Protein backbone atom coordinates (compact mmCIF):
# COMPACT_ATOMS: atom_id res chain seq x y z
CA MET A 1 17.90 25.00 42.23
CA GLY A 2 14.78 26.91 41.12
CA THR A 3 15.71 26.53 37.47
CA GLY A 4 16.32 22.81 37.98
CA LEU A 5 12.91 22.31 39.59
CA LYS A 6 11.20 24.18 36.76
CA SER A 7 13.02 22.07 34.20
CA LEU A 8 12.09 18.88 36.04
CA SER A 9 8.45 19.98 36.30
CA ALA A 10 8.31 20.81 32.60
CA THR A 11 9.86 17.46 31.71
CA LEU A 12 7.42 15.58 33.95
CA PHE A 13 4.46 17.48 32.49
CA LEU A 14 5.59 16.69 28.94
CA PHE A 15 6.04 13.02 29.83
CA LEU A 16 2.55 12.79 31.31
CA LEU A 17 1.12 14.58 28.29
CA LEU A 18 2.72 12.24 25.77
CA LEU A 19 2.36 9.01 27.72
CA PRO A 20 -1.18 8.17 26.50
CA LEU A 21 -0.04 8.64 22.89
CA VAL A 22 2.82 6.19 23.19
CA PHE A 23 1.42 3.05 24.75
CA SER A 24 -0.90 1.58 27.28
CA ALA A 25 -1.52 -1.82 28.77
CA SER A 26 -4.46 -3.13 30.71
CA ASN A 27 -5.41 -6.10 32.82
CA ASP A 28 -7.08 -7.72 29.79
CA GLY A 29 -3.65 -8.80 28.57
CA LEU A 30 -3.73 -6.58 25.50
CA PHE A 31 -0.89 -4.25 24.62
CA ARG A 32 -1.92 -1.04 22.92
CA ILE A 33 0.20 1.26 20.79
CA GLY A 34 -1.28 4.71 20.37
CA LEU A 35 -1.14 5.90 16.77
CA LYS A 36 -0.58 9.51 15.84
CA LYS A 37 -2.32 10.94 12.81
CA ARG A 38 -1.36 13.72 10.43
CA LYS A 39 -3.33 15.37 7.66
CA LEU A 40 -2.47 14.88 4.02
CA GLU A 41 -0.65 17.95 2.74
CA GLN A 42 0.03 19.25 -0.74
CA ASN A 43 3.74 19.77 0.01
CA ASN A 44 4.18 16.09 0.81
CA ARG A 45 2.42 15.12 -2.40
CA VAL A 46 4.74 17.38 -4.43
CA ALA A 47 7.76 15.76 -2.82
CA SER A 48 6.26 12.37 -3.51
CA GLN A 49 5.78 13.28 -7.17
CA ILE A 50 9.43 14.31 -7.50
CA ASP A 51 10.66 11.06 -6.00
CA THR A 52 8.18 9.09 -8.07
CA LYS A 53 9.52 10.55 -11.30
CA GLU A 54 13.09 9.83 -10.22
CA GLY A 55 12.20 6.23 -9.46
CA GLU A 56 10.05 5.54 -12.52
CA ALA A 57 12.69 3.51 -14.35
CA LEU A 58 13.21 1.33 -11.29
CA ARG A 59 9.53 0.73 -10.71
CA THR A 60 8.85 0.07 -14.38
CA THR A 61 11.58 -2.55 -14.41
CA LEU A 62 10.29 -4.20 -11.26
CA ARG A 63 6.65 -4.11 -12.38
CA LYS A 64 7.21 -5.52 -15.83
CA TYR A 65 10.22 -7.81 -15.40
CA ARG A 66 9.76 -8.91 -11.79
CA LEU A 67 13.43 -8.67 -10.86
CA GLY A 68 14.06 -10.24 -7.50
CA GLY A 69 16.42 -7.79 -5.84
CA ASN A 70 17.12 -8.61 -2.20
CA LEU A 71 13.66 -9.68 -1.14
CA GLY A 72 12.93 -13.10 0.24
CA ASP A 73 10.75 -13.99 -2.76
CA PRO A 74 11.36 -12.44 -6.21
CA GLU A 75 7.63 -12.47 -6.92
CA ASP A 76 7.06 -10.09 -4.03
CA THR A 77 9.49 -7.42 -5.18
CA ASP A 78 7.01 -5.50 -7.29
CA ILE A 79 4.49 -4.74 -4.56
CA ILE A 80 7.01 -3.45 -2.03
CA ALA A 81 8.76 -1.51 -4.79
CA LEU A 82 5.49 0.25 -5.61
CA LYS A 83 4.73 1.25 -2.04
CA ASN A 84 4.46 4.99 -1.44
CA TYR A 85 4.90 5.98 2.21
CA MET A 86 4.70 9.70 1.41
CA ASP A 87 0.97 9.83 2.09
CA ALA A 88 1.08 7.62 5.17
CA GLN A 89 -1.00 9.15 7.95
CA TYR A 90 -0.59 6.90 10.98
CA PHE A 91 2.54 6.53 13.11
CA GLY A 92 3.60 5.07 16.44
CA GLU A 93 6.64 5.11 18.68
CA ILE A 94 9.08 2.32 19.53
CA GLY A 95 12.39 2.11 21.39
CA ILE A 96 15.54 0.27 20.31
CA GLY A 97 18.41 -0.60 22.64
CA SER A 98 19.12 -0.31 26.35
CA PRO A 99 18.23 2.32 27.38
CA PRO A 100 15.58 2.61 24.62
CA GLN A 101 16.32 5.06 21.80
CA LYS A 102 13.00 6.39 20.53
CA PHE A 103 11.86 6.25 16.90
CA THR A 104 8.62 7.09 15.13
CA VAL A 105 7.67 4.31 12.72
CA ILE A 106 4.93 3.22 10.37
CA PHE A 107 3.47 -0.12 11.46
CA ASP A 108 3.22 -1.70 8.04
CA THR A 109 1.42 -4.98 7.34
CA GLY A 110 2.65 -4.73 3.74
CA SER A 111 6.32 -5.36 4.54
CA SER A 112 8.24 -7.42 7.10
CA ASN A 113 11.48 -5.70 8.10
CA LEU A 114 12.26 -3.19 10.83
CA TRP A 115 14.61 -0.40 9.82
CA VAL A 116 15.66 2.94 11.29
CA PRO A 117 18.36 5.48 10.37
CA SER A 118 21.86 4.63 11.56
CA SER A 119 24.34 6.92 13.28
CA LYS A 120 26.66 5.76 10.49
CA CYS A 121 24.45 7.41 7.89
CA TYR A 122 26.78 10.24 6.88
CA PHE A 123 25.93 11.12 3.30
CA SER A 124 22.10 11.13 3.18
CA VAL A 125 20.55 14.43 4.21
CA ALA A 126 17.39 12.62 5.39
CA CYS A 127 19.31 11.02 8.24
CA TYR A 128 20.12 14.43 9.74
CA PHE A 129 16.42 15.24 10.11
CA HIS A 130 15.46 12.06 11.94
CA SER A 131 16.43 10.08 15.01
CA LYS A 132 19.44 7.83 14.44
CA TYR A 133 20.30 4.56 16.17
CA LYS A 134 23.57 4.71 18.08
CA ALA A 135 24.91 1.21 18.69
CA ARG A 136 27.55 2.43 21.15
CA SER A 137 24.85 3.84 23.40
CA SER A 138 23.14 0.47 23.88
CA SER A 139 24.31 -2.17 26.35
CA THR A 140 22.28 -4.88 24.55
CA TYR A 141 23.59 -4.22 21.02
CA LYS A 142 24.93 -7.19 19.06
CA LYS A 143 26.89 -6.81 15.85
CA ASN A 144 25.61 -8.55 12.73
CA GLY A 145 26.94 -6.61 9.76
CA LYS A 146 25.09 -8.40 6.95
CA SER A 147 24.25 -5.91 4.18
CA ALA A 148 20.65 -5.10 3.27
CA ALA A 149 18.69 -3.00 0.77
CA ILE A 150 14.99 -2.35 0.19
CA GLN A 151 13.50 -0.58 -2.82
CA TYR A 152 10.24 1.32 -2.32
CA GLY A 153 8.01 3.16 -4.76
CA THR A 154 9.27 6.58 -3.74
CA GLY A 155 12.60 5.81 -2.19
CA ALA A 156 15.18 3.19 -1.33
CA ILE A 157 17.13 2.43 1.79
CA SER A 158 20.28 0.41 2.26
CA GLY A 159 22.51 -0.41 5.17
CA PHE A 160 23.35 -3.37 7.36
CA PHE A 161 21.74 -5.64 9.93
CA SER A 162 22.24 -5.29 13.67
CA GLU A 163 20.59 -6.92 16.69
CA ASP A 164 19.21 -5.30 19.81
CA ASN A 165 16.21 -5.22 22.11
CA VAL A 166 13.14 -3.52 20.65
CA LYS A 167 10.52 -2.00 22.92
CA VAL A 168 7.02 -1.79 21.44
CA GLY A 169 4.70 -0.31 24.03
CA GLU A 170 5.44 -2.30 27.18
CA LEU A 171 6.67 -5.32 25.24
CA VAL A 172 10.42 -5.84 24.98
CA VAL A 173 11.50 -8.08 22.11
CA LYS A 174 15.00 -9.38 22.76
CA ASP A 175 17.76 -9.78 20.16
CA GLN A 176 15.65 -8.43 17.31
CA GLU A 177 17.35 -8.28 13.93
CA PHE A 178 16.83 -4.93 12.22
CA ILE A 179 18.37 -2.78 9.51
CA GLU A 180 20.51 0.25 10.28
CA ALA A 181 19.91 2.44 7.23
CA THR A 182 23.05 4.22 6.05
CA LYS A 183 21.60 5.51 2.77
CA GLU A 184 18.20 7.17 2.34
CA PRO A 185 18.33 8.98 -1.02
CA GLY A 186 15.60 11.18 -2.46
CA ILE A 187 13.12 13.59 -0.95
CA THR A 188 10.58 11.13 0.45
CA PHE A 189 12.50 10.18 3.57
CA LEU A 190 13.82 13.72 3.97
CA VAL A 191 10.38 15.27 4.52
CA ALA A 192 8.76 12.18 6.04
CA LYS A 193 7.18 12.49 9.48
CA PHE A 194 8.47 9.05 10.42
CA ASP A 195 11.97 7.73 11.11
CA GLY A 196 11.55 4.16 9.92
CA ILE A 197 9.28 1.22 9.16
CA LEU A 198 8.22 -1.70 11.35
CA GLY A 199 6.92 -4.46 9.10
CA LEU A 200 4.13 -6.76 10.27
CA GLY A 201 4.02 -9.01 7.21
CA PHE A 202 5.21 -12.60 6.97
CA GLN A 203 8.83 -13.73 7.01
CA GLU A 204 8.46 -14.95 3.42
CA ILE A 205 8.93 -11.36 2.17
CA SER A 206 11.53 -10.31 4.72
CA VAL A 207 14.76 -8.91 3.29
CA GLY A 208 17.65 -11.08 4.42
CA ASN A 209 15.09 -13.57 5.77
CA ALA A 210 15.18 -11.64 9.05
CA VAL A 211 12.65 -12.80 11.65
CA PRO A 212 9.96 -10.07 11.89
CA VAL A 213 9.29 -8.29 15.18
CA TRP A 214 5.81 -9.80 15.40
CA TYR A 215 7.17 -13.35 15.04
CA ASN A 216 9.53 -12.76 17.96
CA MET A 217 6.69 -11.35 20.08
CA VAL A 218 4.92 -14.67 19.62
CA ASN A 219 8.01 -16.88 19.88
CA GLN A 220 9.18 -15.17 23.08
CA GLY A 221 5.75 -15.57 24.70
CA LEU A 222 5.11 -11.84 25.01
CA VAL A 223 1.47 -11.93 23.85
CA LYS A 224 -1.33 -14.17 25.09
CA GLU A 225 -2.76 -14.74 21.61
CA PRO A 226 -1.00 -14.66 18.22
CA VAL A 227 -3.31 -11.87 17.04
CA PHE A 228 -2.94 -8.15 16.42
CA SER A 229 -5.54 -5.65 15.27
CA PHE A 230 -5.79 -2.13 13.86
CA TRP A 231 -8.27 0.60 14.66
CA PHE A 232 -7.83 3.84 12.71
CA ASN A 233 -9.67 6.94 13.83
CA ARG A 234 -10.91 8.60 10.62
CA ASN A 235 -12.55 11.50 12.47
CA ALA A 236 -10.63 14.50 11.17
CA ASP A 237 -11.63 16.61 14.18
CA GLU A 238 -9.97 14.30 16.72
CA GLU A 239 -6.26 14.20 17.46
CA GLU A 240 -6.22 10.52 18.42
CA GLY A 241 -5.02 8.56 15.43
CA GLY A 242 -6.11 5.12 16.54
CA GLU A 243 -4.60 2.05 18.17
CA LEU A 244 -2.61 -1.00 17.21
CA VAL A 245 -3.40 -3.79 19.67
CA PHE A 246 -1.06 -6.76 20.18
CA GLY A 247 -2.28 -10.00 21.72
CA GLY A 248 -5.95 -9.82 20.77
CA VAL A 249 -8.84 -7.53 19.95
CA ASP A 250 -10.34 -4.59 21.84
CA PRO A 251 -14.16 -4.89 21.70
CA ASN A 252 -14.47 -1.11 21.97
CA HIS A 253 -12.93 -0.74 18.53
CA TYR A 254 -15.67 -2.35 16.45
CA LYS A 255 -19.40 -3.00 16.08
CA GLY A 256 -21.06 -6.35 15.41
CA GLU A 257 -19.10 -9.42 14.38
CA HIS A 258 -15.99 -9.83 12.27
CA THR A 259 -16.12 -11.52 8.89
CA TYR A 260 -13.06 -13.75 8.59
CA VAL A 261 -11.36 -14.96 5.42
CA PRO A 262 -8.31 -17.24 5.20
CA VAL A 263 -4.86 -16.04 4.21
CA THR A 264 -4.40 -17.45 0.72
CA GLN A 265 -0.69 -16.79 0.33
CA LYS A 266 1.80 -16.04 3.07
CA GLY A 267 4.02 -13.05 2.51
CA TYR A 268 1.49 -10.26 2.55
CA TRP A 269 -1.79 -10.60 4.42
CA GLN A 270 -3.44 -11.79 1.22
CA PHE A 271 -6.97 -13.11 0.81
CA ASP A 272 -9.63 -13.69 -1.84
CA MET A 273 -12.02 -10.83 -2.54
CA GLY A 274 -15.28 -11.03 -4.48
CA ASP A 275 -17.22 -8.63 -6.64
CA VAL A 276 -16.80 -4.85 -6.68
CA LEU A 277 -20.10 -2.95 -6.75
CA ILE A 278 -21.00 0.63 -7.64
CA ASP A 279 -24.27 1.78 -6.08
CA GLY A 280 -25.07 -1.86 -5.36
CA LYS A 281 -24.64 -2.94 -8.99
CA SER A 282 -22.02 -5.49 -9.95
CA THR A 283 -19.12 -4.30 -12.09
CA GLY A 284 -18.32 -7.89 -12.99
CA PHE A 285 -14.62 -7.34 -12.49
CA CYS A 286 -14.10 -9.61 -9.51
CA ALA A 287 -17.22 -11.75 -9.77
CA GLY A 288 -14.92 -14.74 -10.25
CA GLY A 289 -12.65 -13.65 -7.40
CA CYS A 290 -9.67 -11.32 -7.05
CA ALA A 291 -6.61 -11.38 -4.82
CA ALA A 292 -6.36 -8.62 -2.22
CA ILE A 293 -4.12 -7.65 0.68
CA ALA A 294 -4.82 -5.61 3.81
CA ASP A 295 -2.02 -3.05 4.01
CA SER A 296 -1.72 -0.57 6.88
CA GLY A 297 1.24 1.08 5.16
CA THR A 298 -0.78 2.23 2.14
CA SER A 299 -2.98 5.28 2.56
CA LEU A 300 -5.32 4.75 -0.39
CA LEU A 301 -7.18 1.81 -1.91
CA ALA A 302 -5.26 0.50 -4.91
CA GLY A 303 -6.29 -1.74 -7.77
CA PRO A 304 -5.64 -2.48 -11.45
CA THR A 305 -5.74 0.61 -13.68
CA THR A 306 -8.47 -0.96 -15.81
CA ILE A 307 -10.88 -1.20 -12.88
CA ILE A 308 -9.82 1.96 -11.05
CA THR A 309 -10.49 3.98 -14.19
CA GLU A 310 -14.07 2.69 -14.28
CA LEU A 311 -14.52 3.46 -10.59
CA ASN A 312 -13.19 6.98 -11.05
CA HIS A 313 -15.49 7.46 -14.04
CA ALA A 314 -18.45 6.42 -11.91
CA ILE A 315 -17.57 8.94 -9.19
CA GLY A 316 -16.72 11.74 -11.63
CA ALA A 317 -13.02 11.84 -10.83
CA SER A 318 -10.91 13.50 -13.52
CA GLY A 319 -7.47 12.29 -14.52
CA ILE A 320 -5.49 12.91 -17.69
CA VAL A 321 -6.30 12.07 -21.29
CA SER A 322 -4.37 9.03 -22.46
CA GLU A 323 -3.44 9.52 -26.11
CA GLU A 324 -2.65 5.82 -26.45
CA CYS A 325 -6.09 4.91 -25.13
CA LYS A 326 -7.86 7.32 -27.50
CA ALA A 327 -5.81 6.03 -30.43
CA ILE A 328 -6.81 2.44 -29.68
CA VAL A 329 -10.50 3.33 -29.66
CA ALA A 330 -10.26 5.33 -32.88
CA GLN A 331 -8.20 2.81 -34.85
CA TYR A 332 -9.12 -0.56 -33.42
CA GLY A 333 -12.35 -0.10 -31.46
CA GLU A 334 -14.68 -1.73 -33.97
CA THR A 335 -12.18 -4.53 -34.63
CA ILE A 336 -11.94 -5.34 -30.93
CA ILE A 337 -15.73 -5.39 -30.54
CA ASN A 338 -16.09 -7.71 -33.53
CA SER A 339 -13.37 -10.00 -32.19
CA ILE A 340 -15.13 -10.27 -28.82
CA LEU A 341 -18.45 -11.00 -30.55
CA ALA A 342 -16.69 -13.64 -32.67
CA LYS A 343 -15.73 -15.41 -29.41
CA ASP A 344 -12.01 -14.84 -29.92
CA GLN A 345 -9.94 -15.37 -26.80
CA PRO A 346 -9.84 -11.93 -25.13
CA GLU A 347 -6.21 -12.32 -24.07
CA LYS A 348 -5.20 -12.89 -27.71
CA ILE A 349 -7.08 -10.00 -29.32
CA CYS A 350 -4.37 -7.37 -28.80
CA SER A 351 -1.71 -9.68 -30.21
CA GLN A 352 -3.91 -10.48 -33.21
CA ILE A 353 -4.07 -6.80 -34.16
CA GLY A 354 -0.33 -6.40 -33.62
CA LEU A 355 -0.22 -4.36 -30.41
CA CYS A 356 1.04 -7.08 -28.08
CA THR A 357 3.04 -10.25 -28.47
CA PHE A 358 1.69 -13.61 -27.38
CA ASP A 359 3.75 -16.28 -25.64
CA GLY A 360 1.42 -19.16 -26.44
CA THR A 361 -0.59 -19.06 -23.23
CA ARG A 362 -1.34 -15.43 -22.53
CA GLY A 363 -0.74 -11.98 -23.93
CA VAL A 364 2.39 -10.24 -22.74
CA SER A 365 3.61 -6.74 -23.39
CA MET A 366 6.61 -6.05 -25.60
CA GLY A 367 8.45 -4.80 -22.53
CA ILE A 368 8.49 -8.30 -21.08
CA LYS A 369 9.29 -9.84 -24.45
CA SER A 370 12.26 -7.51 -24.90
CA VAL A 371 13.85 -8.86 -21.72
CA VAL A 372 13.38 -12.42 -22.94
CA ASP A 373 14.81 -11.45 -26.32
CA GLU A 374 17.85 -9.85 -24.71
CA ASN A 375 18.50 -12.99 -22.70
CA VAL A 376 18.46 -15.15 -25.83
CA GLY A 377 20.23 -12.65 -28.07
CA LYS A 378 17.23 -11.59 -30.15
CA ALA A 379 16.07 -8.07 -30.99
CA SER A 380 12.78 -6.62 -29.85
CA SER A 381 10.35 -5.47 -32.51
CA GLY A 382 9.85 -2.18 -30.61
CA VAL A 383 6.06 -2.21 -30.40
CA SER A 384 4.91 0.37 -27.87
CA ASP A 385 4.26 -1.15 -24.46
CA ALA A 386 1.91 1.74 -23.69
CA MET A 387 -0.21 0.82 -26.71
CA CYS A 388 -0.31 -2.80 -25.56
CA SER A 389 -1.46 -1.84 -22.06
CA ALA A 390 -4.09 0.52 -23.46
CA CYS A 391 -5.36 -2.20 -25.77
CA GLU A 392 -5.65 -4.72 -22.94
CA MET A 393 -7.66 -2.25 -20.86
CA THR A 394 -9.92 -1.46 -23.81
CA VAL A 395 -10.71 -5.16 -24.31
CA VAL A 396 -11.79 -5.52 -20.67
CA TRP A 397 -13.96 -2.39 -20.81
CA MET A 398 -15.64 -3.46 -24.04
CA GLN A 399 -16.28 -6.96 -22.71
CA ASN A 400 -18.14 -5.53 -19.73
CA GLN A 401 -20.20 -3.21 -21.92
CA LEU A 402 -21.16 -6.05 -24.27
CA ARG A 403 -22.39 -8.05 -21.28
CA GLN A 404 -24.73 -5.13 -20.59
CA ASN A 405 -26.07 -5.33 -24.18
CA GLN A 406 -24.77 -1.89 -25.15
CA THR A 407 -24.64 -0.92 -28.83
CA GLN A 408 -21.36 -0.50 -30.67
CA GLN A 409 -21.60 3.28 -30.66
CA GLN A 410 -22.51 3.36 -26.97
CA ILE A 411 -19.47 1.22 -26.21
CA LEU A 412 -17.11 3.39 -28.24
CA ASN A 413 -18.42 6.55 -26.57
CA TYR A 414 -18.16 5.01 -23.11
CA VAL A 415 -14.58 3.79 -23.61
CA ASN A 416 -13.58 7.21 -24.93
CA GLN A 417 -14.92 8.69 -21.70
CA LEU A 418 -12.87 6.19 -19.70
CA CYS A 419 -9.76 7.27 -21.60
CA GLU A 420 -10.31 10.74 -20.19
CA ARG A 421 -10.62 9.33 -16.67
CA LEU A 422 -7.33 7.49 -16.62
CA PRO A 423 -5.44 8.40 -13.44
CA SER A 424 -2.55 10.83 -13.61
CA PRO A 425 1.00 9.44 -13.61
CA MET A 426 0.86 9.70 -9.82
CA GLY A 427 -2.24 7.51 -9.82
CA GLU A 428 -4.38 10.32 -8.42
CA SER A 429 -7.68 11.65 -9.70
CA ALA A 430 -9.38 14.86 -8.56
CA VAL A 431 -12.98 15.01 -7.31
CA ASP A 432 -15.30 18.00 -6.95
CA CYS A 433 -15.50 18.67 -3.21
CA ASP A 434 -18.97 20.23 -3.60
CA GLY A 435 -20.45 17.17 -5.27
CA LEU A 436 -19.81 14.44 -2.70
CA SER A 437 -23.49 14.04 -1.85
CA THR A 438 -24.25 13.04 -5.45
CA LEU A 439 -21.58 10.34 -5.72
CA PRO A 440 -22.36 6.60 -5.50
CA ASN A 441 -21.34 4.21 -2.76
CA VAL A 442 -18.65 1.67 -3.69
CA SER A 443 -18.70 -1.80 -2.14
CA PHE A 444 -16.35 -4.77 -1.91
CA THR A 445 -17.44 -8.35 -1.32
CA ILE A 446 -15.32 -10.21 1.23
CA GLY A 447 -16.26 -13.57 2.71
CA GLY A 448 -19.72 -13.32 1.17
CA LYS A 449 -20.43 -10.01 2.93
CA THR A 450 -20.59 -6.56 1.35
CA PHE A 451 -18.34 -3.84 2.79
CA GLU A 452 -19.53 -0.43 1.67
CA LEU A 453 -17.66 2.86 1.39
CA THR A 454 -19.56 6.14 1.12
CA PRO A 455 -18.23 9.16 -0.82
CA GLU A 456 -17.27 10.85 2.44
CA GLN A 457 -15.18 7.77 3.23
CA TYR A 458 -13.42 7.17 -0.08
CA VAL A 459 -12.71 10.80 -0.99
CA LEU A 460 -9.71 12.37 0.76
CA LYS A 461 -9.35 16.06 1.47
CA VAL A 462 -5.80 17.33 1.00
CA ALA A 463 -4.70 20.53 2.69
CA GLN A 464 -3.58 23.14 0.17
CA GLY A 465 -3.19 26.42 2.01
CA ASP A 466 -6.53 27.67 3.28
CA VAL A 467 -8.50 25.49 0.89
CA ALA A 468 -8.87 21.74 0.53
CA GLN A 469 -8.49 19.72 -2.63
CA CYS A 470 -10.42 16.48 -2.92
CA ILE A 471 -8.84 13.39 -4.45
CA SER A 472 -10.25 9.96 -5.12
CA GLY A 473 -9.24 7.36 -2.56
CA PHE A 474 -8.95 4.86 -5.41
CA THR A 475 -5.52 4.74 -7.01
CA ALA A 476 -4.14 2.66 -9.85
CA LEU A 477 -1.45 0.08 -9.17
CA ASP A 478 -0.69 -2.73 -11.59
CA VAL A 479 1.00 -5.78 -10.10
CA PRO A 480 2.02 -8.30 -12.78
CA PRO A 481 1.39 -12.06 -12.65
CA PRO A 482 1.93 -14.37 -10.91
CA ARG A 483 1.31 -12.21 -7.82
CA GLY A 484 -1.11 -9.89 -9.59
CA PRO A 485 -3.51 -8.53 -10.53
CA LEU A 486 -4.03 -7.45 -6.96
CA TRP A 487 -6.11 -5.11 -4.83
CA ILE A 488 -4.49 -3.33 -1.89
CA LEU A 489 -6.91 -2.27 0.81
CA GLY A 490 -5.11 0.53 2.62
CA ASP A 491 -6.16 3.08 5.22
CA VAL A 492 -9.17 4.25 3.19
CA PHE A 493 -10.70 0.81 3.77
CA MET A 494 -9.13 -0.10 7.12
CA GLY A 495 -10.24 3.23 8.56
CA GLN A 496 -13.86 2.20 8.12
CA TYR A 497 -13.42 -1.46 9.00
CA HIS A 498 -11.58 -2.65 12.08
CA THR A 499 -9.08 -5.24 10.89
CA VAL A 500 -7.86 -8.32 12.76
CA PHE A 501 -4.67 -10.11 11.71
CA ASP A 502 -4.96 -13.62 13.15
CA TYR A 503 -1.51 -15.16 12.82
CA GLY A 504 -2.44 -18.29 14.76
CA ASN A 505 -5.30 -19.25 12.45
CA LEU A 506 -3.89 -17.57 9.32
CA ARG A 507 -6.96 -15.45 8.71
CA ILE A 508 -8.02 -11.81 8.45
CA GLY A 509 -11.19 -10.33 9.94
CA PHE A 510 -13.17 -7.18 9.14
CA ALA A 511 -15.92 -5.48 11.15
CA GLU A 512 -17.42 -2.00 11.16
CA ALA A 513 -15.12 0.31 13.10
CA ALA A 514 -16.51 1.93 16.23
């Protein structure tokens, strides 16, 4: 009896201790999901690098050829396929089935499906290190059986659809379609701190056209307003990771007023972003507007390599030397400058000097052309796609320098410096931890308002034993047309700016986080 009472007391104590982290509800009609936070660690980054190398062929194919796979919209494949959950820092808990089986998930606005490991996952080691859904243990389980597969940047999952009740905080979504993952290859999901993903994007990008959890919350009348919001706690000294609020906005999570912008394309939470500024000065890259998405499942702030390289140069972040980039400057630098001055169409310059092909309307890399050639039975000329990409970046950099009335030699020197700042194959660039106070602020224009990030906010400290390594929060990610080029504002941005996802009015709002 004594042992039983002690066990019961310990269980009750543990329940009371963890309860505030799991969920809370209040009389304001809002439903709060407590988010747990973990620090970035070097071991996770190493595992991510291994999986990234293994998946490079897949991602290259998806990026360049835009193969549709099993996603709802083929154009959306590339972004999901480039997602890297290895560095994800914020997690929450849900329950599936009756009684609820608990799972730790990433609440991801950059995807739309819910998936967790299945008890029928026999041959993936990752499944043995995470909670698994047991259909036989749930009285509300409904068989579906339709197959499903999702490719991510550092891993892939496949399995089949099932239906069951899903408990998110105090909300119970009935008959929710979700994926039971039976295959989770690679290291990413093996060492991950989460069991699965709960997507909060639009149904347009849902694998199998499954109705997202959030849609069912609204359709089943579980929330008073079709709005959810994220508050991330970026204070490294506090254990509380933040809150995801369903049904509205918690005024304690932000300061001032939100700046709202309309969703421009359903699928991701996509909107139009304006100019990017360094120390208050325009870079000119997005002066005419750029597409961007708010993505809670991405830890960094991602953008086109061309622009990220300039940002990393401005903040002194070091990457790797690109031999292709240096070769372009040495062999074709003066020719490119003269072509720009001669008012040649910038998108045609690289094809004119033989480094890219041209399809009549815009420059395309030989990688894309080779796919077209294969489809029509022609042979590719074998021009290096890396050289084409390097040339296209060089043209953009030189255009910007000419607008600033720089001399030819100044431009060549500057572009050579940028070549040395190109991000590593992992998209990361190192920053001197001791020099943060000397770095510039970087700002993004959204809805006519400037949203500023300080060095302390955009530089991440990664645990590496007893010391910390600093990496730039800006990472390169190239999304091809028609969806790209695209900026992805992940946790680096959302941690500083409370973000509202207004499904009812199809808009996104940003305000300074409290």
